[in-house]
Amino acid sequence: MGSKILTTGVLRRHSSTMFLTVEALNIDPDSFRSVTVQMFDWSSGSPIVIPMVDPSTQTLAPNQYRTFRSLQLSPALFAYEVRVIHPKDKDVVVSVFGLSDITFDPQNGNNAMQHDLARVKLK
């Protein structure tokens, strides 16, 4: 089936963003899907991996979703990127959120839905 890589591109961090989260939904009624999320701090001009609370690769059961969360962001971080690697089919849908609290307090306007993400090909 292959996979596709989606990216937010480099985003500027809102001052109240403390955590990053990705929600990945598998709407296939029968098949499992694997999703990998990578988060990068671009504040230095080069990518530095942002540590995550949840495993970076998770298997989504049919009709289930999983959450991928960062650890609390460094106060020095001002530019970040989120990449999502998932199957090329349309049965997996992802959303990216900036949170002001780890207890899922999404910020208005600090979101990227799947249609907002750019598809890239990395070698």
PDB file of N, CA and C in Angstrom:
ATOM      1  N   MET A   1       0.824  -1.191   0.000  1.00  0.00           N
ATOM      2  CA  MET A   1       0.000   0.000   0.000  1.00  0.00           C
ATOM      3  C   MET A   1       0.868   1.255   0.000  1.00  0.00           C
ATOM      4  N   GLY A   2       2.034   1.214   0.626  1.00  0.00           N
ATOM      5  CA  GLY A   2       2.889   2.389   0.684  1.00  0.00           C
ATOM      6  C   GLY A   2       2.406   3.383   1.722  1.00  0.00           C
ATOM      7  N   SER A   3       3.156   4.464   1.862  1.00  0.00           N
ATOM      8  CA  SER A   3       2.769   5.477   2.841  1.00  0.00           C
ATOM      9  C   SER A   3       2.965   6.865   2.258  1.00  0.00           C
ATOM     10  N   LYS A   4       2.354   7.837   2.924  1.00  0.00           N
ATOM     11  CA  LYS A   4       2.539   9.230   2.530  1.00  0.00           C
ATOM     12  C   LYS A   4       2.990  10.012   3.756  1.00  0.00           C
ATOM     13  N   ILE A   5       3.723  11.090   3.489  1.00  0.00           N
ATOM     14  CA  ILE A   5       4.229  11.950   4.556  1.00  0.00           C
ATOM     15  C   ILE A   5       3.535  13.299   4.433  1.00  0.00           C
ATOM     16  N   LEU A   6       2.912  13.721   5.509  1.00  0.00           N
ATOM     17  CA  LEU A   6       2.247  15.016   5.571  1.00  0.00           C
ATOM     18  C   LEU A   6       2.994  15.899   6.575  1.00  0.00           C
ATOM     19  N   THR A   7       3.083  17.192   6.294  1.00  0.00           N
ATOM     20  CA  THR A   7       3.769  18.112   7.199  1.00  0.00           C
ATOM     21  C   THR A   7       2.952  19.380   7.395  1.00  0.00           C
ATOM     22  N   THR A   8       3.102  19.954   8.579  1.00  0.00           N
ATOM     23  CA  THR A   8       2.510  21.260   8.852  1.00  0.00           C
ATOM     24  C   THR A   8       3.338  22.366   8.220  1.00  0.00           C
ATOM     25  N   GLY A   9       4.598  22.031   7.849  1.00  0.00           N
ATOM     26  CA  GLY A   9       5.553  23.085   7.541  1.00  0.00           C
ATOM     27  C   GLY A   9       5.974  23.693   8.870  1.00  0.00           C
ATOM     28  N   VAL A  10       6.828  24.685   8.834  1.00  0.00           N
ATOM     29  CA  VAL A  10       7.263  25.326  10.078  1.00  0.00           C
ATOM     30  C   VAL A  10       6.188  26.318  10.518  1.00  0.00           C
ATOM     31  N   LEU A  11       5.745  26.157  11.751  1.00  0.00           N
ATOM     32  CA  LEU A  11       4.720  27.026  12.334  1.00  0.00           C
ATOM     33  C   LEU A  11       5.324  27.837  13.473  1.00  0.00           C
ATOM     34  N   ARG A  12       4.849  29.034  13.639  1.00  0.00           N
ATOM     35  CA  ARG A  12       5.244  29.853  14.791  1.00  0.00           C
ATOM     36  C   ARG A  12       4.395  29.459  15.983  1.00  0.00           C
ATOM     37  N   ARG A  13       5.045  29.324  17.108  1.00  0.00           N
ATOM     38  CA  ARG A  13       4.354  28.915  18.333  1.00  0.00           C
ATOM     39  C   ARG A  13       3.605  30.096  18.944  1.00  0.00           C
ATOM     40  N   HIS A  14       2.355  29.872  19.270  1.00  0.00           N
ATOM     41  CA  HIS A  14       1.572  30.852  20.019  1.00  0.00           C
ATOM     42  C   HIS A  14       2.103  30.881  21.451  1.00  0.00           C
ATOM     43  N   SER A  15       2.088  32.025  22.086  1.00  0.00           N
ATOM     44  CA  SER A  15       2.677  32.165  23.421  1.00  0.00           C
ATOM     45  C   SER A  15       2.045  31.256  24.470  1.00  0.00           C
ATOM     46  N   SER A  16       0.800  30.851  24.285  1.00  0.00           N
ATOM     47  CA  SER A  16       0.168  29.979  25.281  1.00  0.00           C
ATOM     48  C   SER A  16       0.239  28.493  24.917  1.00  0.00           C
ATOM     49  N   THR A  17       0.899  28.159  23.801  1.00  0.00           N
ATOM     50  CA  THR A  17       1.025  26.747  23.423  1.00  0.00           C
ATOM     51  C   THR A  17       2.072  26.079  24.298  1.00  0.00           C
ATOM     52  N   MET A  18       1.638  25.074  25.042  1.00  0.00           N
ATOM     53  CA  MET A  18       2.534  24.334  25.935  1.00  0.00           C
ATOM     54  C   MET A  18       2.813  22.919  25.448  1.00  0.00           C
ATOM     55  N   PHE A  19       1.907  22.376  24.633  1.00  0.00           N
ATOM     56  CA  PHE A  19       2.014  21.005  24.149  1.00  0.00           C
ATOM     57  C   PHE A  19       1.520  20.943  22.710  1.00  0.00           C
ATOM     58  N   LEU A  20       2.000  19.948  21.965  1.00  0.00           N
ATOM     59  CA  LEU A  20       1.497  19.651  20.630  1.00  0.00           C
ATOM     60  C   LEU A  20       0.810  18.306  20.688  1.00  0.00           C
ATOM     61  N   THR A  21      -0.239  18.150  19.928  1.00  0.00           N
ATOM     62  CA  THR A  21      -0.925  16.856  19.886  1.00  0.00           C
ATOM     63  C   THR A  21      -1.429  16.584  18.473  1.00  0.00           C
ATOM     64  N   VAL A  22      -1.455  15.308  18.130  1.00  0.00           N
ATOM     65  CA  VAL A  22      -2.011  14.843  16.865  1.00  0.00           C
ATOM     66  C   VAL A  22      -3.063  13.799  17.191  1.00  0.00           C
ATOM     67  N   GLU A  23      -4.217  13.937  16.589  1.00  0.00           N
ATOM     68  CA  GLU A  23      -5.266  12.925  16.682  1.00  0.00           C
ATOM     69  C   GLU A  23      -5.291  12.199  15.348  1.00  0.00           C
ATOM     70  N   ALA A  24      -5.158  10.886  15.366  1.00  0.00           N
ATOM     71  CA  ALA A  24      -5.193  10.076  14.146  1.00  0.00           C
ATOM     72  C   ALA A  24      -6.378   9.127  14.232  1.00  0.00           C
ATOM     73  N   LEU A  25      -7.211   9.140  13.210  1.00  0.00           N
ATOM     74  CA  LEU A  25      -8.447   8.360  13.170  1.00  0.00           C
ATOM     75  C   LEU A  25      -8.392   7.371  12.018  1.00  0.00           C
ATOM     76  N   ASN A  26      -8.648   6.099  12.317  1.00  0.00           N
ATOM     77  CA  ASN A  26      -8.768   5.062  11.299  1.00  0.00           C
ATOM     78  C   ASN A  26     -10.248   4.768  11.102  1.00  0.00           C
ATOM     79  N   ILE A  27     -10.780   5.203   9.973  1.00  0.00           N
ATOM     80  CA  ILE A  27     -12.212   4.985   9.740  1.00  0.00           C
ATOM     81  C   ILE A  27     -12.501   3.703   8.966  1.00  0.00           C
ATOM     82  N   ASP A  28     -11.450   2.930   8.668  1.00  0.00           N
ATOM     83  CA  ASP A  28     -11.666   1.642   7.996  1.00  0.00           C
ATOM     84  C   ASP A  28     -12.387   0.708   8.970  1.00  0.00           C
ATOM     85  N   PRO A  29     -13.481   0.072   8.554  1.00  0.00           N
ATOM     86  CA  PRO A  29     -14.240  -0.782   9.467  1.00  0.00           C
ATOM     87  C   PRO A  29     -13.608  -2.146   9.715  1.00  0.00           C
ATOM     88  N   ASP A  30     -12.580  -2.520   8.912  1.00  0.00           N
ATOM     89  CA  ASP A  30     -12.051  -3.879   9.004  1.00  0.00           C
ATOM     90  C   ASP A  30     -10.535  -3.977   9.232  1.00  0.00           C
ATOM     91  N   SER A  31      -9.770  -2.988   8.792  1.00  0.00           N
ATOM     92  CA  SER A  31      -8.313  -3.134   8.764  1.00  0.00           C
ATOM     93  C   SER A  31      -7.601  -2.213   9.743  1.00  0.00           C
ATOM     94  N   PHE A  32      -6.476  -2.708  10.276  1.00  0.00           N
ATOM     95  CA  PHE A  32      -5.605  -1.923  11.133  1.00  0.00           C
ATOM     96  C   PHE A  32      -4.741  -1.019  10.256  1.00  0.00           C
ATOM     97  N   ARG A  33      -4.319   0.128  10.793  1.00  0.00           N
ATOM     98  CA  ARG A  33      -3.450   1.059  10.086  1.00  0.00           C
ATOM     99  C   ARG A  33      -2.351   1.529  11.045  1.00  0.00           C
ATOM    100  N   SER A  34      -1.136   1.671  10.509  1.00  0.00           N
ATOM    101  CA  SER A  34      -0.008   2.168  11.292  1.00  0.00           C
ATOM    102  C   SER A  34       0.211   3.651  10.983  1.00  0.00           C
ATOM    103  N   VAL A  35       0.423   4.445  12.036  1.00  0.00           N
ATOM    104  CA  VAL A  35       0.668   5.879  11.888  1.00  0.00           C
ATOM    105  C   VAL A  35       1.896   6.242  12.712  1.00  0.00           C
ATOM    106  N   THR A  36       2.778   7.056  12.113  1.00  0.00           N
ATOM    107  CA  THR A  36       3.960   7.571  12.801  1.00  0.00           C
ATOM    108  C   THR A  36       3.877   9.092  12.831  1.00  0.00           C
ATOM    109  N   VAL A  37       4.174   9.676  13.982  1.00  0.00           N
ATOM    110  CA  VAL A  37       4.185  11.126  14.134  1.00  0.00           C
ATOM    111  C   VAL A  37       5.580  11.559  14.575  1.00  0.00           C
ATOM    112  N   GLN A  38       6.089  12.594  13.925  1.00  0.00           N
ATOM    113  CA  GLN A  38       7.378  13.182  14.296  1.00  0.00           C
ATOM    114  C   GLN A  38       7.142  14.666  14.559  1.00  0.00           C
ATOM    115  N   MET A  39       7.776  15.179  15.617  1.00  0.00           N
ATOM    116  CA  MET A  39       7.654  16.592  15.970  1.00  0.00           C
ATOM    117  C   MET A  39       9.060  17.177  16.043  1.00  0.00           C
ATOM    118  N   PHE A  40       9.231  18.360  15.441  1.00  0.00           N
ATOM    119  CA  PHE A  40      10.554  18.977  15.369  1.00  0.00           C
ATOM    120  C   PHE A  40      10.516  20.429  15.841  1.00  0.00           C
ATOM    121  N   ASP A  41      11.558  20.812  16.572  1.00  0.00           N
ATOM    122  CA  ASP A  41      11.802  22.197  16.967  1.00  0.00           C
ATOM    123  C   ASP A  41      12.733  22.799  15.914  1.00  0.00           C
ATOM    124  N   TRP A  42      12.283  23.826  15.222  1.00  0.00           N
ATOM    125  CA  TRP A  42      13.067  24.487  14.178  1.00  0.00           C
ATOM    126  C   TRP A  42      13.623  25.830  14.639  1.00  0.00           C
ATOM    127  N   SER A  43      13.569  26.125  15.928  1.00  0.00           N
ATOM    128  CA  SER A  43      13.976  27.437  16.432  1.00  0.00           C
ATOM    129  C   SER A  43      15.431  27.775  16.120  1.00  0.00           C
ATOM    130  N   SER A  44      16.295  26.762  16.021  1.00  0.00           N
ATOM    131  CA  SER A  44      17.711  26.995  15.732  1.00  0.00           C
ATOM    132  C   SER A  44      17.989  27.089  14.233  1.00  0.00           C
ATOM    133  N   GLY A  45      16.977  26.821  13.425  1.00  0.00           N
ATOM    134  CA  GLY A  45      17.164  26.796  11.980  1.00  0.00           C
ATOM    135  C   GLY A  45      17.367  25.391  11.442  1.00  0.00           C
ATOM    136  N   SER A  46      17.573  24.429  12.327  1.00  0.00           N
ATOM    137  CA  SER A  46      17.723  23.014  11.969  1.00  0.00           C
ATOM    138  C   SER A  46      16.762  22.203  12.822  1.00  0.00           C
ATOM    139  N   PRO A  47      16.296  21.047  12.318  1.00  0.00           N
ATOM    140  CA  PRO A  47      15.311  20.275  13.085  1.00  0.00           C
ATOM    141  C   PRO A  47      15.925  19.548  14.271  1.00  0.00           C
ATOM    142  N   ILE A  48      15.287  19.705  15.425  1.00  0.00           N
ATOM    143  CA  ILE A  48      15.645  18.978  16.641  1.00  0.00           C
ATOM    144  C   ILE A  48      14.371  18.255  17.079  1.00  0.00           C
ATOM    145  N   VAL A  49      14.481  16.970  17.330  1.00  0.00           N
ATOM    146  CA  VAL A  49      13.305  16.165  17.701  1.00  0.00           C
ATOM    147  C   VAL A  49      12.717  16.668  19.019  1.00  0.00           C
ATOM    148  N   ILE A  50      11.403  16.852  19.031  1.00  0.00           N
ATOM    149  CA  ILE A  50      10.677  17.200  20.254  1.00  0.00           C
ATOM    150  C   ILE A  50      10.252  15.890  20.903  1.00  0.00           C
ATOM    151  N   PRO A  51      10.644  15.658  22.168  1.00  0.00           N
ATOM    152  CA  PRO A  51      10.254  14.411  22.849  1.00  0.00           C
ATOM    153  C   PRO A  51       8.732  14.302  22.987  1.00  0.00           C
ATOM    154  N   MET A  52       8.272  13.063  22.909  1.00  0.00           N
ATOM    155  CA  MET A  52       6.834  12.808  22.967  1.00  0.00           C
ATOM    156  C   MET A  52       6.460  11.955  24.179  1.00  0.00           C
ATOM    157  N   VAL A  53       5.246  12.158  24.673  1.00  0.00           N
ATOM    158  CA  VAL A  53       4.692  11.361  25.767  1.00  0.00           C
ATOM    159  C   VAL A  53       4.316   9.976  25.258  1.00  0.00           C
ATOM    160  N   ASP A  54       3.685   9.936  24.095  1.00  0.00           N
ATOM    161  CA  ASP A  54       3.162   8.701  23.524  1.00  0.00           C
ATOM    162  C   ASP A  54       4.154   8.126  22.519  1.00  0.00           C
ATOM    163  N   PRO A  55       4.072   6.812  22.255  1.00  0.00           N
ATOM    164  CA  PRO A  55       4.945   6.227  21.229  1.00  0.00           C
ATOM    165  C   PRO A  55       4.761   6.959  19.899  1.00  0.00           C
ATOM    166  N   SER A  56       5.849   7.147  19.151  1.00  0.00           N
ATOM    167  CA  SER A  56       5.766   7.891  17.899  1.00  0.00           C
ATOM    168  C   SER A  56       5.111   7.075  16.788  1.00  0.00           C
ATOM    169  N   THR A  57       5.117   5.762  16.898  1.00  0.00           N
ATOM    170  CA  THR A  57       4.403   4.900  15.948  1.00  0.00           C
ATOM    171  C   THR A  57       3.363   4.100  16.716  1.00  0.00           C
ATOM    172  N   GLN A  58       2.128   4.145  16.228  1.00  0.00           N
ATOM    173  CA  GLN A  58       1.042   3.411  16.864  1.00  0.00           C
ATOM    174  C   GLN A  58       0.199   2.736  15.780  1.00  0.00           C
ATOM    175  N   THR A  59      -0.380   1.600  16.153  1.00  0.00           N
ATOM    176  CA  THR A  59      -1.291   0.892  15.265  1.00  0.00           C
ATOM    177  C   THR A  59      -2.711   1.246  15.662  1.00  0.00           C
ATOM    178  N   LEU A  60      -3.463   1.690  14.691  1.00  0.00           N
ATOM    179  CA  LEU A  60      -4.852   2.076  14.926  1.00  0.00           C
ATOM    180  C   LEU A  60      -5.768   0.920  14.529  1.00  0.00           C
ATOM    181  N   ALA A  61      -6.561   0.473  15.468  1.00  0.00           N
ATOM    182  CA  ALA A  61      -7.538  -0.581  15.195  1.00  0.00           C
ATOM    183  C   ALA A  61      -8.646  -0.015  14.307  1.00  0.00           C
ATOM    184  N   PRO A  62      -9.420  -0.887  13.665  1.00  0.00           N
ATOM    185  CA  PRO A  62     -10.537  -0.409  12.854  1.00  0.00           C
ATOM    186  C   PRO A  62     -11.486   0.474  13.671  1.00  0.00           C
ATOM    187  N   ASN A  63     -11.910   1.588  13.067  1.00  0.00           N
ATOM    188  CA  ASN A  63     -12.842   2.518  13.713  1.00  0.00           C
ATOM    189  C   ASN A  63     -12.367   3.014  15.068  1.00  0.00           C
ATOM    190  N   GLN A  64     -11.084   3.286  15.188  1.00  0.00           N
ATOM    191  CA  GLN A  64     -10.510   3.788  16.434  1.00  0.00           C
ATOM    192  C   GLN A  64      -9.602   4.978  16.137  1.00  0.00           C
ATOM    193  N   TYR A  65      -9.312   5.763  17.175  1.00  0.00           N
ATOM    194  CA  TYR A  65      -8.336   6.843  17.021  1.00  0.00           C
ATOM    195  C   TYR A  65      -7.311   6.752  18.137  1.00  0.00           C
ATOM    196  N   ARG A  66      -6.163   7.365  17.903  1.00  0.00           N
ATOM    197  CA  ARG A  66      -5.077   7.417  18.878  1.00  0.00           C
ATOM    198  C   ARG A  66      -4.569   8.842  18.952  1.00  0.00           C
ATOM    199  N   THR A  67      -4.001   9.177  20.100  1.00  0.00           N
ATOM    200  CA  THR A  67      -3.452  10.499  20.345  1.00  0.00           C
ATOM    201  C   THR A  67      -1.941  10.408  20.452  1.00  0.00           C
ATOM    202  N   PHE A  68      -1.265  11.355  19.863  1.00  0.00           N
ATOM    203  CA  PHE A  68       0.192  11.485  19.946  1.00  0.00           C
ATOM    204  C   PHE A  68       0.456  12.853  20.586  1.00  0.00           C
ATOM    205  N   ARG A  69       1.127  12.879  21.753  1.00  0.00           N
ATOM    206  CA  ARG A  69       1.338  14.135  22.477  1.00  0.00           C
ATOM    207  C   ARG A  69       2.818  14.403  22.710  1.00  0.00           C
ATOM    208  N   SER A  70       3.190  15.663  22.636  1.00  0.00           N
ATOM    209  CA  SER A  70       4.556  16.049  22.982  1.00  0.00           C
ATOM    210  C   SER A  70       4.671  16.194  24.495  1.00  0.00           C
ATOM    211  N   LEU A  71       5.910  16.160  24.968  1.00  0.00           N
ATOM    212  CA  LEU A  71       6.173  16.615  26.331  1.00  0.00           C
ATOM    213  C   LEU A  71       5.991  18.129  26.324  1.00  0.00           C
ATOM    214  N   GLN A  72       6.018  18.749  27.501  1.00  0.00           N
ATOM    215  CA  GLN A  72       5.870  20.196  27.558  1.00  0.00           C
ATOM    216  C   GLN A  72       6.984  20.860  26.744  1.00  0.00           C
ATOM    217  N   LEU A  73       6.600  21.839  25.944  1.00  0.00           N
ATOM    218  CA  LEU A  73       7.552  22.509  25.061  1.00  0.00           C
ATOM    219  C   LEU A  73       8.482  23.430  25.850  1.00  0.00           C
ATOM    220  N   SER A  74       9.707  23.516  25.406  1.00  0.00           N
ATOM    221  CA  SER A  74      10.691  24.412  25.998  1.00  0.00           C
ATOM    222  C   SER A  74      10.250  25.860  25.795  1.00  0.00           C
ATOM    223  N   PRO A  75      10.459  26.711  26.782  1.00  0.00           N
ATOM    224  CA  PRO A  75      10.108  28.133  26.601  1.00  0.00           C
ATOM    225  C   PRO A  75      10.859  28.781  25.439  1.00  0.00           C
ATOM    226  N   ALA A  76      12.030  28.245  25.082  1.00  0.00           N
ATOM    227  CA  ALA A  76      12.833  28.811  23.994  1.00  0.00           C
ATOM    228  C   ALA A  76      12.313  28.416  22.609  1.00  0.00           C
ATOM    229  N   LEU A  77      11.454  27.397  22.537  1.00  0.00           N
ATOM    230  CA  LEU A  77      10.943  26.941  21.242  1.00  0.00           C
ATOM    231  C   LEU A  77       9.956  27.963  20.695  1.00  0.00           C
ATOM    232  N   PHE A  78      10.201  28.437  19.470  1.00  0.00           N
ATOM    233  CA  PHE A  78       9.259  29.376  18.858  1.00  0.00           C
ATOM    234  C   PHE A  78       8.818  28.941  17.461  1.00  0.00           C
ATOM    235  N   ALA A  79       9.481  27.911  16.906  1.00  0.00           N
ATOM    236  CA  ALA A  79       9.120  27.419  15.575  1.00  0.00           C
ATOM    237  C   ALA A  79       9.130  25.895  15.610  1.00  0.00           C
ATOM    238  N   TYR A  80       8.066  25.283  15.103  1.00  0.00           N
ATOM    239  CA  TYR A  80       7.975  23.826  15.145  1.00  0.00           C
ATOM    240  C   TYR A  80       7.315  23.281  13.882  1.00  0.00           C
ATOM    241  N   GLU A  81       7.496  21.988  13.693  1.00  0.00           N
ATOM    242  CA  GLU A  81       6.873  21.264  12.581  1.00  0.00           C
ATOM    243  C   GLU A  81       6.367  19.941  13.104  1.00  0.00           C
ATOM    244  N   VAL A  82       5.243  19.484  12.557  1.00  0.00           N
ATOM    245  CA  VAL A  82       4.722  18.147  12.847  1.00  0.00           C
ATOM    246  C   VAL A  82       4.625  17.405  11.521  1.00  0.00           C
ATOM    247  N   ARG A  83       5.184  16.184  11.494  1.00  0.00           N
ATOM    248  CA  ARG A  83       5.061  15.305  10.322  1.00  0.00           C
ATOM    249  C   ARG A  83       4.259  14.081  10.710  1.00  0.00           C
ATOM    250  N   VAL A  84       3.427  13.624   9.778  1.00  0.00           N
ATOM    251  CA  VAL A  84       2.618  12.426   9.987  1.00  0.00           C
ATOM    252  C   VAL A  84       2.866  11.493   8.805  1.00  0.00           C
ATOM    253  N   ILE A  85       3.217  10.249   9.117  1.00  0.00           N
ATOM    254  CA  ILE A  85       3.432   9.233   8.091  1.00  0.00           C
ATOM    255  C   ILE A  85       2.330   8.194   8.252  1.00  0.00           C
ATOM    256  N   HIS A  86       1.546   8.012   7.203  1.00  0.00           N
ATOM    257  CA  HIS A  86       0.461   7.032   7.280  1.00  0.00           C
ATOM    258  C   HIS A  86       0.170   6.459   5.903  1.00  0.00           C
ATOM    259  N   PRO A  87      -0.683   5.437   5.837  1.00  0.00           N
ATOM    260  CA  PRO A  87      -0.965   4.785   4.547  1.00  0.00           C
ATOM    261  C   PRO A  87      -1.509   5.776   3.523  1.00  0.00           C
ATOM    262  N   LYS A  88      -1.289   5.440   2.265  1.00  0.00           N
ATOM    263  CA  LYS A  88      -1.752   6.307   1.178  1.00  0.00           C
ATOM    264  C   LYS A  88      -3.267   6.294   1.003  1.00  0.00           C
ATOM    265  N   ASP A  89      -3.950   5.360   1.652  1.00  0.00           N
ATOM    266  CA  ASP A  89      -5.405   5.311   1.473  1.00  0.00           C
ATOM    267  C   ASP A  89      -6.075   6.454   2.239  1.00  0.00           C
ATOM    268  N   LYS A  90      -7.363   6.596   2.017  1.00  0.00           N
ATOM    269  CA  LYS A  90      -8.100   7.699   2.630  1.00  0.00           C
ATOM    270  C   LYS A  90      -8.789   7.303   3.929  1.00  0.00           C
ATOM    271  N   ASP A  91      -8.410   6.158   4.499  1.00  0.00           N
ATOM    272  CA  ASP A  91      -9.070   5.683   5.712  1.00  0.00           C
ATOM    273  C   ASP A  91      -8.456   6.230   6.998  1.00  0.00           C
ATOM    274  N   VAL A  92      -7.366   6.979   6.879  1.00  0.00           N
ATOM    275  CA  VAL A  92      -6.738   7.585   8.051  1.00  0.00           C
ATOM    276  C   VAL A  92      -6.819   9.101   7.896  1.00  0.00           C
ATOM    277  N   VAL A  93      -7.338   9.754   8.933  1.00  0.00           N
ATOM    278  CA  VAL A  93      -7.495  11.198   8.935  1.00  0.00           C
ATOM    279  C   VAL A  93      -6.801  11.730  10.186  1.00  0.00           C
ATOM    280  N   VAL A  94      -6.025  12.817  10.035  1.00  0.00           N
ATOM    281  CA  VAL A  94      -5.286  13.368  11.169  1.00  0.00           C
ATOM    282  C   VAL A  94      -5.605  14.842  11.371  1.00  0.00           C
ATOM    283  N   SER A  95      -5.454  15.282  12.618  1.00  0.00           N
ATOM    284  CA  SER A  95      -5.586  16.688  12.994  1.00  0.00           C
ATOM    285  C   SER A  95      -4.453  17.017  13.951  1.00  0.00           C
ATOM    286  N   VAL A  96      -3.917  18.233  13.851  1.00  0.00           N
ATOM    287  CA  VAL A  96      -2.810  18.690  14.698  1.00  0.00           C
ATOM    288  C   VAL A  96      -3.316  19.873  15.518  1.00  0.00           C
ATOM    289  N   PHE A  97      -3.010  19.878  16.818  1.00  0.00           N
ATOM    290  CA  PHE A  97      -3.479  20.933  17.715  1.00  0.00           C
ATOM    291  C   PHE A  97      -2.345  21.451  18.575  1.00  0.00           C
ATOM    292  N   GLY A  98      -2.383  22.735  18.877  1.00  0.00           N
ATOM    293  CA  GLY A  98      -1.571  23.300  19.938  1.00  0.00           C
ATOM    294  C   GLY A  98      -2.426  23.337  21.185  1.00  0.00           C
ATOM    295  N   LEU A  99      -1.855  22.921  22.301  1.00  0.00           N
ATOM    296  CA  LEU A  99      -2.614  22.869  23.554  1.00  0.00           C
ATOM    297  C   LEU A  99      -1.985  23.791  24.594  1.00  0.00           C
ATOM    298  N   SER A 100      -2.833  24.419  25.400  1.00  0.00           N
ATOM    299  CA  SER A 100      -2.320  25.227  26.505  1.00  0.00           C
ATOM    300  C   SER A 100      -2.251  24.413  27.790  1.00  0.00           C
ATOM    301  N   ASP A 101      -2.768  23.189  27.745  1.00  0.00           N
ATOM    302  CA  ASP A 101      -2.742  22.297  28.905  1.00  0.00           C
ATOM    303  C   ASP A 101      -2.762  20.869  28.386  1.00  0.00           C
ATOM    304  N   ILE A 102      -2.008  19.964  29.013  1.00  0.00           N
ATOM    305  CA  ILE A 102      -1.935  18.571  28.566  1.00  0.00           C
ATOM    306  C   ILE A 102      -3.293  17.877  28.669  1.00  0.00           C
ATOM    307  N   THR A 103      -4.217  18.442  29.432  1.00  0.00           N
ATOM    308  CA  THR A 103      -5.542  17.831  29.565  1.00  0.00           C
ATOM    309  C   THR A 103      -6.456  18.225  28.409  1.00  0.00           C
ATOM    310  N   PHE A 104      -5.852  18.398  27.239  1.00  0.00           N
ATOM    311  CA  PHE A 104      -6.598  18.595  25.995  1.00  0.00           C
ATOM    312  C   PHE A 104      -7.418  19.875  25.988  1.00  0.00           C
ATOM    313  N   ASP A 105      -6.738  20.994  26.171  1.00  0.00           N
ATOM    314  CA  ASP A 105      -7.360  22.305  26.071  1.00  0.00           C
ATOM    315  C   ASP A 105      -6.923  22.925  24.744  1.00  0.00           C
ATOM    316  N   PRO A 106      -7.593  22.546  23.612  1.00  0.00           N
ATOM    317  CA  PRO A 106      -7.153  23.065  22.313  1.00  0.00           C
ATOM    318  C   PRO A 106      -7.347  24.572  22.222  1.00  0.00           C
ATOM    319  N   GLN A 107      -6.455  25.200  21.488  1.00  0.00           N
ATOM    320  CA  GLN A 107      -6.508  26.642  21.329  1.00  0.00           C
ATOM    321  C   GLN A 107      -7.244  26.992  20.042  1.00  0.00           C
ATOM    322  N   ASN A 108      -8.102  27.950  20.116  1.00  0.00           N
ATOM    323  CA  ASN A 108      -8.858  28.396  18.954  1.00  0.00           C
ATOM    324  C   ASN A 108      -7.893  28.970  17.917  1.00  0.00           C
ATOM    325  N   GLY A 109      -7.941  28.448  16.687  1.00  0.00           N
ATOM    326  CA  GLY A 109      -7.099  28.941  15.614  1.00  0.00           C
ATOM    327  C   GLY A 109      -5.703  28.357  15.590  1.00  0.00           C
ATOM    328  N   ASN A 110      -5.344  27.506  16.527  1.00  0.00           N
ATOM    329  CA  ASN A 110      -4.005  26.919  16.573  1.00  0.00           C
ATOM    330  C   ASN A 110      -4.099  25.451  16.170  1.00  0.00           C
ATOM    331  N   ASN A 111      -4.801  25.200  15.071  1.00  0.00           N
ATOM    332  CA  ASN A 111      -5.076  23.840  14.625  1.00  0.00           C
ATOM    333  C   ASN A 111      -4.701  23.678  13.155  1.00  0.00           C
ATOM    334  N   ALA A 112      -4.389  22.452  12.762  1.00  0.00           N
ATOM    335  CA  ALA A 112      -4.181  22.128  11.350  1.00  0.00           C
ATOM    336  C   ALA A 112      -4.909  20.823  11.067  1.00  0.00           C
ATOM    337  N   MET A 113      -5.910  20.901  10.212  1.00  0.00           N
ATOM    338  CA  MET A 113      -6.628  19.704   9.810  1.00  0.00           C
ATOM    339  C   MET A 113      -5.869  19.049   8.654  1.00  0.00           C
ATOM    340  N   GLN A 114      -6.205  17.804   8.338  1.00  0.00           N
ATOM    341  CA  GLN A 114      -5.460  17.081   7.304  1.00  0.00           C
ATOM    342  C   GLN A 114      -5.399  17.861   5.988  1.00  0.00           C
ATOM    343  N   HIS A 115      -6.468  18.513   5.595  1.00  0.00           N
ATOM    344  CA  HIS A 115      -6.452  19.262   4.327  1.00  0.00           C
ATOM    345  C   HIS A 115      -5.521  20.479   4.379  1.00  0.00           C
ATOM    346  N   ASP A 116      -5.071  20.875   5.584  1.00  0.00           N
ATOM    347  CA  ASP A 116      -4.122  21.982   5.738  1.00  0.00           C
ATOM    348  C   ASP A 116      -2.674  21.519   5.607  1.00  0.00           C
ATOM    349  N   LEU A 117      -2.445  20.207   5.672  1.00  0.00           N
ATOM    350  CA  LEU A 117      -1.084  19.669   5.666  1.00  0.00           C
ATOM    351  C   LEU A 117      -0.576  19.479   4.244  1.00  0.00           C
ATOM    352  N   ALA A 118       0.716  19.699   4.071  1.00  0.00           N
ATOM    353  CA  ALA A 118       1.346  19.523   2.754  1.00  0.00           C
ATOM    354  C   ALA A 118       1.922  18.119   2.653  1.00  0.00           C
ATOM    355  N   ARG A 119       1.759  17.528   1.487  1.00  0.00           N
ATOM    356  CA  ARG A 119       2.334  16.202   1.236  1.00  0.00           C
ATOM    357  C   ARG A 119       3.741  16.390   0.723  1.00  0.00           C
ATOM    358  N   VAL A 120       4.711  15.672   1.309  1.00  0.00           N
ATOM    359  CA  VAL A 120       6.112  15.774   0.899  1.00  0.00           C
ATOM    360  C   VAL A 120       6.658  14.385   0.581  1.00  0.00           C
ATOM    361  N   LYS A 121       7.718  14.352  -0.210  1.00  0.00           N
ATOM    362  CA  LYS A 121       8.411  13.096  -0.525  1.00  0.00           C
ATOM    363  C   LYS A 121       9.851  13.249  -0.071  1.00  0.00           C
ATOM    364  N   LEU A 122      10.230  12.517   0.955  1.00  0.00           N
ATOM    365  CA  LEU A 122      11.586  12.561   1.482  1.00  0.00           C
ATOM    366  C   LEU A 122      12.340  11.336   1.002  1.00  0.00           C
ATOM    367  N   LYS A 123      13.613  11.494   0.684  1.00  0.00           N
ATOM    368  CA  LYS A 123      14.423  10.361   0.221  1.00  0.00           C
ATOM    369  C   LYS A 123      15.337   9.897   1.309  1.00  0.00           C
TER     370      LYS A 123
END
